[in-house]
Amino acid sequence: MVESKSAEKKPVGRPKTDKLLKKFRVQTWFNAVAEASGKTAYELEKEFAPSILVRENFNKHRARLWEKYRLGKTMPSIKEKKGGRKGIAQIVEEKYPGTIHWLTDERFDLANVDKEITMKFIREVFESLPPEIRKYIVRENANASTLFWRKKFITELPFYESLVRNPSPLAFIALLALLRESLICQNETCFNLVKKALIKIEDEGIRHGPIFSSVFTKIILTPILIIY
């Protein structure tokens, strides 16, 4: 007698980190567009809707795509479609420059500890930081051929506190890079300092520009931090 095979149920659990990061990329892009335009999801959908839809009962026929972008449920198209039609992210970029990069920014991968990160990449991140942050991390005269480019590891709490309070999204990116660097270099002291900074961000509901860093920390980083 042949045993009947029951359909295997997929385990329901926490979404994979890369899926969560994709969601946060979209939400950060939406926040950046909303900040640049000063408009709501409804107003942005109306601004970028086809003119015929705006004329013919917009409220009834709109797809509510921008509400999905706000929630990170749908990825806006980036590449050109067949026939040369631009993706919505490209169209938005023309109106609000500097927003599209949030959809593809590799620096978000710093939060994915399951993804291998090299010191070369971390160095590139540090060197992309604004001077007021970079000066504490990268030696002043360091260039591409400099072998020892890193300043002494910072063990003073005020530096990490300054990144918590700095409203720039790059301050939060710096914390992510410092977190990964501490794991690669097995520097437990620096890891614990970054950990304290991230927990403060979560506890106080802090935001860094278009990045809702408190939510980002709670959903993606906290499950990692509590292990250590």
N, C-alpha and C. Protein backbone atom coordinates (compact mmCIF):
# COMPACT_ATOMS: atom_id res chain seq x y z
N MET A 1 0.85 -1.21 0.00
CA MET A 1 0.00 0.00 0.00
C MET A 1 0.88 1.24 0.00
N VAL A 2 0.59 2.12 -0.90
CA VAL A 2 1.37 3.35 -1.02
C VAL A 2 0.81 4.41 -0.10
N GLU A 3 1.69 4.94 0.72
CA GLU A 3 1.24 5.98 1.66
C GLU A 3 1.00 7.28 0.90
N SER A 4 -0.08 7.93 1.23
CA SER A 4 -0.36 9.22 0.59
C SER A 4 0.55 10.27 1.19
N LYS A 5 1.04 11.13 0.32
CA LYS A 5 1.94 12.19 0.76
C LYS A 5 1.15 13.47 0.99
N SER A 6 1.22 13.96 2.17
CA SER A 6 0.55 15.23 2.46
C SER A 6 1.43 16.38 2.03
N ALA A 7 0.81 17.43 1.59
CA ALA A 7 1.56 18.61 1.13
C ALA A 7 2.35 19.19 2.29
N GLU A 8 3.62 19.41 2.05
CA GLU A 8 4.47 19.97 3.10
C GLU A 8 4.16 21.45 3.28
N LYS A 9 3.94 21.80 4.50
CA LYS A 9 3.67 23.20 4.80
C LYS A 9 4.97 23.93 5.04
N LYS A 10 5.09 25.08 4.43
CA LYS A 10 6.27 25.90 4.65
C LYS A 10 6.22 26.52 6.03
N PRO A 11 7.31 26.47 6.76
CA PRO A 11 7.31 27.06 8.11
C PRO A 11 7.09 28.56 8.05
N VAL A 12 6.24 29.01 8.96
CA VAL A 12 5.96 30.44 9.02
C VAL A 12 6.86 31.04 10.08
N GLY A 13 7.64 31.98 9.73
CA GLY A 13 8.56 32.58 10.69
C GLY A 13 8.96 33.97 10.26
N ARG A 14 10.06 34.41 10.76
CA ARG A 14 10.55 35.75 10.45
C ARG A 14 11.05 35.81 9.01
N PRO A 15 10.64 36.82 8.22
CA PRO A 15 11.11 36.93 6.84
C PRO A 15 12.62 37.01 6.77
N LYS A 16 13.18 36.54 5.66
CA LYS A 16 14.62 36.59 5.50
C LYS A 16 15.10 38.02 5.48
N THR A 17 16.34 38.20 5.91
CA THR A 17 16.89 39.55 6.03
C THR A 17 16.89 40.28 4.71
N ASP A 18 17.25 39.58 3.61
CA ASP A 18 17.32 40.27 2.32
C ASP A 18 15.94 40.77 1.89
N LYS A 19 14.90 40.03 2.25
CA LYS A 19 13.54 40.47 1.93
C LYS A 19 13.16 41.69 2.75
N LEU A 20 13.55 41.70 4.02
CA LEU A 20 13.28 42.85 4.88
C LEU A 20 14.05 44.08 4.40
N LEU A 21 15.30 43.85 3.96
CA LEU A 21 16.10 44.97 3.47
C LEU A 21 15.50 45.56 2.20
N LYS A 22 14.95 44.72 1.36
CA LYS A 22 14.29 45.19 0.14
C LYS A 22 13.10 46.09 0.51
N LYS A 23 12.36 45.67 1.53
CA LYS A 23 11.23 46.47 2.00
C LYS A 23 11.71 47.83 2.50
N PHE A 24 12.79 47.84 3.29
CA PHE A 24 13.29 49.10 3.84
C PHE A 24 13.90 49.99 2.77
N ARG A 25 14.47 49.39 1.74
CA ARG A 25 14.98 50.21 0.62
C ARG A 25 13.84 50.99 -0.01
N VAL A 26 12.72 50.30 -0.25
CA VAL A 26 11.56 50.95 -0.88
C VAL A 26 11.00 52.03 0.04
N GLN A 27 10.87 51.72 1.32
CA GLN A 27 10.33 52.71 2.26
C GLN A 27 11.24 53.93 2.38
N THR A 28 12.55 53.70 2.36
CA THR A 28 13.49 54.82 2.45
C THR A 28 13.41 55.66 1.19
N TRP A 29 13.28 55.01 0.03
CA TRP A 29 13.10 55.74 -1.23
C TRP A 29 11.83 56.59 -1.16
N PHE A 30 10.73 55.99 -0.72
CA PHE A 30 9.48 56.76 -0.60
C PHE A 30 9.67 57.94 0.33
N ASN A 31 10.28 57.72 1.48
CA ASN A 31 10.49 58.81 2.45
C ASN A 31 11.32 59.93 1.84
N ALA A 32 12.35 59.56 1.06
CA ALA A 32 13.21 60.56 0.42
C ALA A 32 12.41 61.38 -0.58
N VAL A 33 11.56 60.71 -1.35
CA VAL A 33 10.73 61.42 -2.34
C VAL A 33 9.71 62.31 -1.62
N ALA A 34 9.11 61.78 -0.57
CA ALA A 34 8.12 62.56 0.18
C ALA A 34 8.75 63.80 0.80
N GLU A 35 9.98 63.65 1.32
CA GLU A 35 10.69 64.80 1.90
C GLU A 35 11.03 65.83 0.83
N ALA A 36 11.53 65.35 -0.31
CA ALA A 36 11.94 66.26 -1.38
C ALA A 36 10.75 67.01 -1.98
N SER A 37 9.61 66.36 -2.03
CA SER A 37 8.43 66.95 -2.66
C SER A 37 7.51 67.64 -1.67
N GLY A 38 7.55 67.21 -0.41
CA GLY A 38 6.61 67.72 0.58
C GLY A 38 5.20 67.21 0.36
N LYS A 39 5.09 66.05 -0.30
CA LYS A 39 3.78 65.53 -0.66
C LYS A 39 3.50 64.19 0.00
N THR A 40 2.20 63.86 0.09
CA THR A 40 1.76 62.59 0.65
C THR A 40 1.76 61.52 -0.45
N ALA A 41 1.50 60.27 -0.04
CA ALA A 41 1.42 59.17 -1.01
C ALA A 41 0.32 59.45 -2.04
N TYR A 42 -0.80 59.97 -1.57
CA TYR A 42 -1.92 60.29 -2.48
C TYR A 42 -1.50 61.36 -3.49
N GLU A 43 -0.85 62.41 -3.00
CA GLU A 43 -0.44 63.51 -3.87
C GLU A 43 0.62 63.08 -4.87
N LEU A 44 1.52 62.20 -4.44
CA LEU A 44 2.56 61.71 -5.35
C LEU A 44 1.97 60.81 -6.43
N GLU A 45 1.00 60.00 -6.03
CA GLU A 45 0.36 59.13 -7.03
C GLU A 45 -0.36 59.97 -8.08
N LYS A 46 -0.97 61.03 -7.65
CA LYS A 46 -1.67 61.91 -8.58
C LYS A 46 -0.68 62.64 -9.48
N GLU A 47 0.46 63.05 -8.92
CA GLU A 47 1.47 63.77 -9.69
C GLU A 47 2.04 62.90 -10.81
N PHE A 48 2.27 61.62 -10.53
CA PHE A 48 2.92 60.75 -11.50
C PHE A 48 1.96 59.80 -12.23
N ALA A 49 0.68 60.00 -12.03
CA ALA A 49 -0.31 59.18 -12.74
C ALA A 49 -0.43 59.65 -14.19
N PRO A 50 -0.79 58.74 -15.11
CA PRO A 50 -1.04 59.15 -16.50
C PRO A 50 -2.11 60.23 -16.55
N SER A 51 -1.94 61.18 -17.43
CA SER A 51 -2.86 62.33 -17.46
C SER A 51 -4.30 61.90 -17.69
N ILE A 52 -4.50 60.82 -18.47
CA ILE A 52 -5.88 60.39 -18.74
C ILE A 52 -6.55 59.89 -17.47
N LEU A 53 -5.76 59.27 -16.58
CA LEU A 53 -6.31 58.78 -15.33
C LEU A 53 -6.69 59.93 -14.42
N VAL A 54 -5.90 60.99 -14.43
CA VAL A 54 -6.19 62.15 -13.59
C VAL A 54 -7.49 62.81 -14.06
N ARG A 55 -7.69 62.82 -15.38
CA ARG A 55 -8.89 63.45 -15.92
C ARG A 55 -10.14 62.62 -15.67
N GLU A 56 -10.00 61.31 -15.69
CA GLU A 56 -11.17 60.42 -15.63
C GLU A 56 -11.31 59.75 -14.26
N ASN A 57 -11.76 60.49 -13.30
CA ASN A 57 -12.07 59.99 -11.96
C ASN A 57 -10.88 59.30 -11.31
N PHE A 58 -9.89 60.08 -10.95
CA PHE A 58 -8.65 59.56 -10.37
C PHE A 58 -8.91 58.76 -9.10
N ASN A 59 -9.76 59.27 -8.22
CA ASN A 59 -10.01 58.61 -6.94
C ASN A 59 -10.58 57.20 -7.10
N LYS A 60 -11.35 57.00 -8.14
CA LYS A 60 -12.00 55.71 -8.36
C LYS A 60 -11.06 54.70 -8.99
N HIS A 61 -10.20 55.13 -9.89
CA HIS A 61 -9.41 54.20 -10.69
C HIS A 61 -7.94 54.11 -10.28
N ARG A 62 -7.49 54.91 -9.34
CA ARG A 62 -6.06 54.88 -8.99
C ARG A 62 -5.70 53.54 -8.38
N ALA A 63 -4.45 53.12 -8.64
CA ALA A 63 -4.00 51.78 -8.19
C ALA A 63 -3.49 51.77 -6.76
N ARG A 64 -3.36 52.94 -6.16
CA ARG A 64 -2.81 53.07 -4.80
C ARG A 64 -1.40 52.49 -4.68
N LEU A 65 -0.64 52.62 -5.75
CA LEU A 65 0.74 52.12 -5.77
C LEU A 65 1.61 52.85 -4.76
N TRP A 66 1.40 54.14 -4.63
CA TRP A 66 2.28 54.91 -3.76
C TRP A 66 2.04 54.58 -2.29
N GLU A 67 0.86 54.14 -1.96
CA GLU A 67 0.62 53.66 -0.60
C GLU A 67 1.40 52.36 -0.37
N LYS A 68 1.48 51.53 -1.41
CA LYS A 68 2.26 50.29 -1.32
C LYS A 68 3.75 50.61 -1.22
N TYR A 69 4.20 51.65 -1.92
CA TYR A 69 5.61 52.07 -1.80
C TYR A 69 5.89 52.53 -0.37
N ARG A 70 4.94 53.28 0.20
CA ARG A 70 5.12 53.80 1.56
C ARG A 70 5.29 52.66 2.57
N LEU A 71 4.59 51.58 2.32
CA LEU A 71 4.64 50.42 3.22
C LEU A 71 5.73 49.43 2.82
N GLY A 72 6.40 49.69 1.69
CA GLY A 72 7.46 48.79 1.25
C GLY A 72 6.95 47.49 0.66
N LYS A 73 5.72 47.46 0.20
CA LYS A 73 5.11 46.23 -0.30
C LYS A 73 5.40 45.97 -1.77
N THR A 74 5.73 47.01 -2.51
CA THR A 74 5.96 46.89 -3.95
C THR A 74 7.22 47.64 -4.33
N MET A 75 8.07 47.00 -5.13
CA MET A 75 9.29 47.66 -5.61
C MET A 75 8.97 48.47 -6.87
N PRO A 76 9.23 49.76 -6.86
CA PRO A 76 9.00 50.56 -8.08
C PRO A 76 9.97 50.14 -9.18
N SER A 77 9.49 50.19 -10.40
CA SER A 77 10.33 49.80 -11.53
C SER A 77 11.48 50.80 -11.71
N ILE A 78 12.68 50.27 -11.93
CA ILE A 78 13.87 51.10 -12.06
C ILE A 78 14.34 51.17 -13.52
N LYS A 79 14.33 50.03 -14.19
CA LYS A 79 14.84 49.96 -15.56
C LYS A 79 13.77 50.33 -16.57
N GLU A 80 14.24 50.67 -17.76
CA GLU A 80 13.31 51.00 -18.85
C GLU A 80 12.54 49.75 -19.27
N LYS A 81 11.29 49.96 -19.64
CA LYS A 81 10.45 48.86 -20.08
C LYS A 81 10.52 48.74 -21.60
N LYS A 82 9.87 47.72 -22.13
CA LYS A 82 9.85 47.54 -23.58
C LYS A 82 9.23 48.76 -24.24
N GLY A 83 9.83 49.16 -25.34
CA GLY A 83 9.35 50.36 -26.02
C GLY A 83 10.03 51.62 -25.53
N GLY A 84 10.99 51.45 -24.60
CA GLY A 84 11.75 52.60 -24.13
C GLY A 84 11.07 53.42 -23.05
N ARG A 85 9.95 52.90 -22.54
CA ARG A 85 9.26 53.63 -21.48
C ARG A 85 10.06 53.54 -20.18
N LYS A 86 10.26 54.68 -19.55
CA LYS A 86 11.06 54.72 -18.33
C LYS A 86 10.31 54.12 -17.15
N GLY A 87 11.09 53.55 -16.22
CA GLY A 87 10.51 53.05 -14.98
C GLY A 87 10.09 54.21 -14.10
N ILE A 88 9.15 53.98 -13.20
CA ILE A 88 8.64 55.06 -12.37
C ILE A 88 9.74 55.69 -11.52
N ALA A 89 10.69 54.88 -11.06
CA ALA A 89 11.78 55.43 -10.24
C ALA A 89 12.65 56.38 -11.05
N GLN A 90 12.83 56.09 -12.34
CA GLN A 90 13.60 56.97 -13.22
C GLN A 90 12.85 58.29 -13.44
N ILE A 91 11.56 58.19 -13.63
CA ILE A 91 10.73 59.39 -13.85
C ILE A 91 10.75 60.28 -12.60
N VAL A 92 10.65 59.64 -11.45
CA VAL A 92 10.67 60.38 -10.18
C VAL A 92 12.04 61.02 -9.97
N GLU A 93 13.10 60.30 -10.35
CA GLU A 93 14.47 60.82 -10.19
C GLU A 93 14.66 62.11 -10.99
N GLU A 94 14.05 62.20 -12.16
CA GLU A 94 14.17 63.41 -12.98
C GLU A 94 13.53 64.61 -12.28
N LYS A 95 12.45 64.35 -11.55
CA LYS A 95 11.75 65.43 -10.84
C LYS A 95 12.39 65.71 -9.48
N TYR A 96 12.82 64.64 -8.82
CA TYR A 96 13.42 64.77 -7.49
C TYR A 96 14.76 64.04 -7.47
N PRO A 97 15.82 64.71 -7.96
CA PRO A 97 17.14 64.08 -8.08
C PRO A 97 17.70 63.61 -6.74
N GLY A 98 18.44 62.50 -6.80
CA GLY A 98 19.09 61.98 -5.61
C GLY A 98 18.25 61.02 -4.81
N THR A 99 17.14 60.56 -5.37
CA THR A 99 16.26 59.64 -4.64
C THR A 99 16.42 58.19 -5.08
N ILE A 100 16.74 57.96 -6.34
CA ILE A 100 16.72 56.60 -6.88
C ILE A 100 17.78 55.70 -6.25
N HIS A 101 18.88 56.27 -5.79
CA HIS A 101 19.97 55.44 -5.27
C HIS A 101 19.56 54.65 -4.04
N TRP A 102 18.52 55.10 -3.32
CA TRP A 102 18.09 54.37 -2.13
C TRP A 102 17.55 52.99 -2.48
N LEU A 103 17.11 52.79 -3.70
CA LEU A 103 16.55 51.50 -4.11
C LEU A 103 17.63 50.46 -4.36
N THR A 104 18.83 50.92 -4.65
CA THR A 104 19.91 49.98 -5.01
C THR A 104 21.14 50.13 -4.12
N ASP A 105 21.06 50.96 -3.10
CA ASP A 105 22.22 51.25 -2.26
C ASP A 105 22.74 49.99 -1.57
N GLU A 106 23.95 49.58 -1.91
CA GLU A 106 24.53 48.36 -1.36
C GLU A 106 24.88 48.49 0.12
N ARG A 107 24.93 49.71 0.62
CA ARG A 107 25.31 49.91 2.02
C ARG A 107 24.28 49.33 2.99
N PHE A 108 23.04 49.13 2.53
CA PHE A 108 22.05 48.48 3.38
C PHE A 108 22.45 47.04 3.68
N ASP A 109 23.27 46.44 2.79
CA ASP A 109 23.71 45.05 3.00
C ASP A 109 24.59 44.92 4.24
N LEU A 110 25.09 46.02 4.76
CA LEU A 110 25.87 45.98 5.99
C LEU A 110 25.06 45.40 7.15
N ALA A 111 23.75 45.52 7.06
CA ALA A 111 22.88 45.02 8.13
C ALA A 111 22.58 43.53 8.02
N ASN A 112 23.00 42.93 6.90
CA ASN A 112 22.74 41.51 6.68
C ASN A 112 23.99 40.71 7.07
N VAL A 113 24.02 40.20 8.29
CA VAL A 113 25.22 39.50 8.76
C VAL A 113 25.41 38.15 8.08
N ASP A 114 24.38 37.70 7.36
CA ASP A 114 24.51 36.45 6.62
C ASP A 114 25.23 36.66 5.29
N LYS A 115 25.38 37.91 4.90
CA LYS A 115 26.07 38.22 3.65
C LYS A 115 27.52 38.62 3.95
N GLU A 116 28.43 38.02 3.22
CA GLU A 116 29.84 38.30 3.45
C GLU A 116 30.18 39.73 3.02
N ILE A 117 30.84 40.44 3.89
CA ILE A 117 31.27 41.82 3.63
C ILE A 117 32.79 41.87 3.77
N THR A 118 33.45 42.51 2.83
CA THR A 118 34.90 42.61 2.89
C THR A 118 35.33 43.93 3.51
N MET A 119 36.58 43.96 4.00
CA MET A 119 37.12 45.21 4.53
C MET A 119 37.28 46.24 3.42
N LYS A 120 37.47 45.77 2.20
CA LYS A 120 37.57 46.69 1.07
C LYS A 120 36.27 47.48 0.91
N PHE A 121 35.14 46.78 1.04
CA PHE A 121 33.85 47.44 0.93
C PHE A 121 33.63 48.38 2.10
N ILE A 122 33.98 47.93 3.30
CA ILE A 122 33.82 48.77 4.49
C ILE A 122 34.67 50.04 4.37
N ARG A 123 35.86 49.89 3.82
CA ARG A 123 36.72 51.06 3.61
C ARG A 123 36.05 52.04 2.64
N GLU A 124 35.46 51.52 1.58
CA GLU A 124 34.77 52.37 0.61
C GLU A 124 33.62 53.13 1.27
N VAL A 125 32.92 52.45 2.18
CA VAL A 125 31.83 53.10 2.90
C VAL A 125 32.37 54.21 3.78
N PHE A 126 33.42 53.92 4.54
CA PHE A 126 34.02 54.93 5.42
C PHE A 126 34.49 56.15 4.62
N GLU A 127 35.10 55.90 3.47
CA GLU A 127 35.63 57.00 2.66
C GLU A 127 34.52 57.81 1.99
N SER A 128 33.31 57.25 1.92
CA SER A 128 32.19 57.98 1.33
C SER A 128 31.46 58.85 2.35
N LEU A 129 31.86 58.74 3.61
CA LEU A 129 31.20 59.51 4.66
C LEU A 129 31.60 60.98 4.60
N PRO A 130 30.76 61.86 5.11
CA PRO A 130 31.11 63.28 5.14
C PRO A 130 32.34 63.52 6.01
N PRO A 131 33.12 64.58 5.73
CA PRO A 131 34.38 64.84 6.45
C PRO A 131 34.25 64.85 7.97
N GLU A 132 33.13 65.37 8.48
CA GLU A 132 32.98 65.49 9.93
C GLU A 132 32.86 64.12 10.63
N ILE A 133 32.54 63.10 9.88
CA ILE A 133 32.52 61.73 10.43
C ILE A 133 33.78 60.97 10.02
N ARG A 134 34.14 61.11 8.76
CA ARG A 134 35.29 60.36 8.21
C ARG A 134 36.59 60.68 8.94
N LYS A 135 36.75 61.90 9.41
CA LYS A 135 38.02 62.31 10.03
C LYS A 135 38.35 61.51 11.29
N TYR A 136 37.34 60.92 11.92
CA TYR A 136 37.57 60.11 13.12
C TYR A 136 37.96 58.67 12.78
N ILE A 137 37.77 58.28 11.51
CA ILE A 137 37.93 56.88 11.13
C ILE A 137 39.08 56.65 10.16
N VAL A 138 39.18 57.53 9.15
CA VAL A 138 40.17 57.36 8.08
C VAL A 138 41.32 58.36 8.26
N ARG A 139 42.54 57.89 8.11
CA ARG A 139 43.70 58.77 8.23
C ARG A 139 43.63 59.88 7.18
N GLU A 140 44.10 61.03 7.56
CA GLU A 140 43.95 62.24 6.74
C GLU A 140 44.58 62.10 5.36
N ASN A 141 45.76 61.55 5.27
CA ASN A 141 46.47 61.47 3.99
C ASN A 141 46.35 60.10 3.31
N ALA A 142 45.40 59.30 3.73
CA ALA A 142 45.24 57.97 3.14
C ALA A 142 44.71 58.07 1.72
N ASN A 143 45.23 57.22 0.83
CA ASN A 143 44.72 57.14 -0.53
C ASN A 143 44.56 55.67 -0.91
N ALA A 144 44.24 55.40 -2.17
CA ALA A 144 43.94 54.03 -2.61
C ALA A 144 45.09 53.07 -2.38
N SER A 145 46.33 53.55 -2.41
CA SER A 145 47.49 52.68 -2.26
C SER A 145 48.00 52.58 -0.81
N THR A 146 47.34 53.29 0.10
CA THR A 146 47.76 53.26 1.50
C THR A 146 47.32 51.96 2.16
N LEU A 147 48.29 51.20 2.67
CA LEU A 147 47.97 49.92 3.31
C LEU A 147 47.29 50.11 4.66
N PHE A 148 47.83 51.02 5.45
CA PHE A 148 47.28 51.26 6.78
C PHE A 148 46.56 52.61 6.78
N TRP A 149 45.28 52.53 6.44
CA TRP A 149 44.46 53.73 6.24
C TRP A 149 43.58 54.04 7.46
N ARG A 150 43.42 53.04 8.34
CA ARG A 150 42.47 53.17 9.45
C ARG A 150 43.11 53.85 10.65
N LYS A 151 42.39 54.81 11.22
CA LYS A 151 42.83 55.41 12.47
C LYS A 151 42.60 54.41 13.60
N LYS A 152 43.12 54.74 14.76
CA LYS A 152 42.94 53.88 15.93
C LYS A 152 41.45 53.71 16.23
N PHE A 153 41.06 52.50 16.58
CA PHE A 153 39.66 52.24 16.88
C PHE A 153 39.17 53.15 18.00
N ILE A 154 37.98 53.68 17.81
CA ILE A 154 37.43 54.65 18.74
C ILE A 154 36.70 53.93 19.87
N THR A 155 37.10 54.19 21.09
CA THR A 155 36.49 53.54 22.25
C THR A 155 35.80 54.55 23.17
N GLU A 156 35.68 55.79 22.70
CA GLU A 156 35.02 56.82 23.49
C GLU A 156 33.53 56.87 23.12
N LEU A 157 32.67 56.73 24.13
CA LEU A 157 31.23 56.71 23.90
C LEU A 157 30.68 57.95 23.20
N PRO A 158 31.19 59.17 23.49
CA PRO A 158 30.64 60.37 22.85
C PRO A 158 30.65 60.32 21.32
N PHE A 159 31.64 59.66 20.72
CA PHE A 159 31.66 59.55 19.25
C PHE A 159 30.43 58.79 18.75
N TYR A 160 30.12 57.70 19.37
CA TYR A 160 28.97 56.89 18.97
C TYR A 160 27.67 57.61 19.28
N GLU A 161 27.65 58.35 20.39
CA GLU A 161 26.48 59.17 20.72
C GLU A 161 26.24 60.23 19.66
N SER A 162 27.33 60.78 19.12
CA SER A 162 27.19 61.82 18.09
C SER A 162 26.55 61.26 16.82
N LEU A 163 26.82 59.99 16.52
CA LEU A 163 26.21 59.36 15.34
C LEU A 163 24.73 59.08 15.58
N VAL A 164 24.39 58.80 16.82
CA VAL A 164 22.99 58.59 17.17
C VAL A 164 22.20 59.88 16.97
N ARG A 165 22.79 61.00 17.37
CA ARG A 165 22.08 62.29 17.33
C ARG A 165 22.18 63.00 15.98
N ASN A 166 23.15 62.61 15.18
CA ASN A 166 23.33 63.23 13.87
C ASN A 166 22.16 62.84 12.96
N PRO A 167 21.39 63.80 12.43
CA PRO A 167 20.20 63.47 11.63
C PRO A 167 20.50 62.95 10.23
N SER A 168 21.77 62.98 9.82
CA SER A 168 22.12 62.54 8.47
C SER A 168 21.97 61.02 8.34
N PRO A 169 21.43 60.54 7.22
CA PRO A 169 21.37 59.09 7.00
C PRO A 169 22.75 58.45 6.97
N LEU A 170 23.77 59.23 6.62
CA LEU A 170 25.12 58.69 6.57
C LEU A 170 25.68 58.40 7.96
N ALA A 171 25.13 59.04 8.98
CA ALA A 171 25.54 58.73 10.36
C ALA A 171 25.08 57.33 10.72
N PHE A 172 23.88 56.98 10.28
CA PHE A 172 23.38 55.62 10.54
C PHE A 172 24.15 54.60 9.71
N ILE A 173 24.46 54.94 8.46
CA ILE A 173 25.27 54.07 7.61
C ILE A 173 26.63 53.83 8.27
N ALA A 174 27.20 54.87 8.88
CA ALA A 174 28.49 54.74 9.57
C ALA A 174 28.40 53.73 10.70
N LEU A 175 27.30 53.76 11.45
CA LEU A 175 27.11 52.80 12.54
C LEU A 175 27.04 51.37 12.02
N LEU A 176 26.34 51.18 10.89
CA LEU A 176 26.26 49.85 10.28
C LEU A 176 27.64 49.35 9.87
N ALA A 177 28.44 50.25 9.28
CA ALA A 177 29.79 49.87 8.85
C ALA A 177 30.68 49.56 10.06
N LEU A 178 30.55 50.35 11.12
CA LEU A 178 31.33 50.10 12.33
C LEU A 178 30.93 48.77 12.99
N LEU A 179 29.65 48.44 12.89
CA LEU A 179 29.17 47.17 13.43
C LEU A 179 29.83 46.00 12.70
N ARG A 180 29.80 46.04 11.37
CA ARG A 180 30.37 44.94 10.59
C ARG A 180 31.89 44.88 10.75
N GLU A 181 32.53 46.05 10.83
CA GLU A 181 33.98 46.08 11.02
C GLU A 181 34.35 45.42 12.35
N SER A 182 33.58 45.70 13.39
CA SER A 182 33.90 45.13 14.71
C SER A 182 33.79 43.61 14.70
N LEU A 183 32.87 43.09 13.90
CA LEU A 183 32.72 41.64 13.80
C LEU A 183 33.87 41.02 13.00
N ILE A 184 34.23 41.68 11.90
CA ILE A 184 35.34 41.18 11.08
C ILE A 184 36.65 41.18 11.86
N CYS A 185 36.88 42.28 12.58
CA CYS A 185 38.14 42.44 13.32
C CYS A 185 38.08 41.83 14.72
N GLN A 186 36.91 41.27 15.07
CA GLN A 186 36.72 40.66 16.39
C GLN A 186 37.06 41.64 17.51
N ASN A 187 36.56 42.87 17.34
CA ASN A 187 36.78 43.91 18.34
C ASN A 187 35.52 44.02 19.20
N GLU A 188 35.50 43.31 20.30
CA GLU A 188 34.32 43.24 21.14
C GLU A 188 33.99 44.57 21.80
N THR A 189 35.00 45.34 22.14
CA THR A 189 34.78 46.65 22.76
C THR A 189 33.99 47.57 21.84
N CYS A 190 34.44 47.68 20.60
CA CYS A 190 33.75 48.53 19.63
C CYS A 190 32.37 47.98 19.30
N PHE A 191 32.25 46.67 19.22
CA PHE A 191 30.95 46.06 18.96
C PHE A 191 29.94 46.47 20.03
N ASN A 192 30.34 46.41 21.27
CA ASN A 192 29.43 46.75 22.37
C ASN A 192 29.06 48.23 22.36
N LEU A 193 29.99 49.09 21.95
CA LEU A 193 29.69 50.52 21.85
C LEU A 193 28.67 50.79 20.74
N VAL A 194 28.85 50.12 19.60
CA VAL A 194 27.89 50.27 18.50
C VAL A 194 26.54 49.69 18.92
N LYS A 195 26.58 48.57 19.60
CA LYS A 195 25.35 47.93 20.08
C LYS A 195 24.56 48.88 20.98
N LYS A 196 25.24 49.55 21.92
CA LYS A 196 24.57 50.50 22.80
C LYS A 196 23.94 51.65 22.01
N ALA A 197 24.67 52.12 20.98
CA ALA A 197 24.17 53.21 20.15
C ALA A 197 22.90 52.79 19.40
N LEU A 198 22.92 51.59 18.85
CA LEU A 198 21.76 51.10 18.08
C LEU A 198 20.56 50.86 18.99
N ILE A 199 20.80 50.35 20.18
CA ILE A 199 19.70 50.14 21.13
C ILE A 199 19.08 51.48 21.52
N LYS A 200 19.91 52.50 21.69
CA LYS A 200 19.40 53.84 22.01
C LYS A 200 18.53 54.38 20.86
N ILE A 201 18.98 54.13 19.63
CA ILE A 201 18.20 54.56 18.45
C ILE A 201 16.82 53.92 18.47
N GLU A 202 16.79 52.62 18.78
CA GLU A 202 15.51 51.91 18.83
C GLU A 202 14.64 52.40 19.97
N ASP A 203 15.22 52.52 21.15
CA ASP A 203 14.45 52.90 22.34
C ASP A 203 13.86 54.29 22.24
N GLU A 204 14.59 55.20 21.57
CA GLU A 204 14.15 56.60 21.50
C GLU A 204 13.43 56.94 20.20
N GLY A 205 13.23 55.93 19.35
CA GLY A 205 12.48 56.17 18.10
C GLY A 205 13.16 57.17 17.18
N ILE A 206 14.49 57.08 17.10
CA ILE A 206 15.26 58.05 16.33
C ILE A 206 15.22 57.74 14.84
N ARG A 207 15.25 58.78 14.04
CA ARG A 207 15.24 58.67 12.58
C ARG A 207 16.42 59.43 12.02
N HIS A 208 17.02 58.88 10.96
CA HIS A 208 18.13 59.55 10.28
C HIS A 208 17.70 59.89 8.85
N GLY A 209 17.26 61.12 8.66
CA GLY A 209 16.80 61.52 7.33
C GLY A 209 15.66 60.62 6.87
N PRO A 210 15.72 60.10 5.64
CA PRO A 210 14.64 59.25 5.14
C PRO A 210 14.66 57.83 5.72
N ILE A 211 15.72 57.49 6.47
CA ILE A 211 15.82 56.15 7.05
C ILE A 211 15.14 56.14 8.42
N PHE A 212 14.09 55.32 8.56
CA PHE A 212 13.48 55.13 9.88
C PHE A 212 14.37 54.17 10.65
N SER A 213 15.47 54.68 11.17
CA SER A 213 16.52 53.84 11.74
C SER A 213 16.07 53.10 13.00
N SER A 214 15.13 53.66 13.75
CA SER A 214 14.65 52.97 14.95
C SER A 214 13.89 51.69 14.56
N VAL A 215 13.05 51.79 13.54
CA VAL A 215 12.31 50.62 13.06
C VAL A 215 13.26 49.64 12.39
N PHE A 216 14.19 50.18 11.61
CA PHE A 216 15.20 49.36 10.94
C PHE A 216 15.97 48.54 11.98
N THR A 217 16.39 49.19 13.06
CA THR A 217 17.14 48.51 14.11
C THR A 217 16.30 47.45 14.80
N LYS A 218 15.05 47.79 15.09
CA LYS A 218 14.17 46.87 15.81
C LYS A 218 13.91 45.60 15.01
N ILE A 219 13.63 45.74 13.73
CA ILE A 219 13.22 44.60 12.92
C ILE A 219 14.40 43.78 12.41
N ILE A 220 15.47 44.47 12.01
CA ILE A 220 16.57 43.76 11.37
C ILE A 220 17.74 43.51 12.31
N LEU A 221 18.13 44.51 13.08
CA LEU A 221 19.35 44.39 13.86
C LEU A 221 19.16 43.81 15.26
N THR A 222 18.05 44.13 15.92
CA THR A 222 17.85 43.65 17.29
C THR A 222 17.93 42.13 17.41
N PRO A 223 17.29 41.36 16.50
CA PRO A 223 17.42 39.90 16.60
C PRO A 223 18.87 39.42 16.50
N ILE A 224 19.71 40.21 15.84
CA ILE A 224 21.13 39.87 15.73
C ILE A 224 21.87 40.27 17.00
N LEU A 225 21.57 41.46 17.49
CA LEU A 225 22.29 42.01 18.65
C LEU A 225 22.04 41.23 19.92
N ILE A 226 20.83 40.69 20.10
CA ILE A 226 20.51 40.00 21.35
C ILE A 226 21.23 38.66 21.46
N ILE A 227 21.75 38.17 20.33
CA ILE A 227 22.51 36.91 20.35
C ILE A 227 23.82 37.10 21.05
N TYR A 228 24.41 38.32 20.90
CA TYR A 228 25.75 38.57 21.42
C TYR A 228 25.70 39.21 22.79
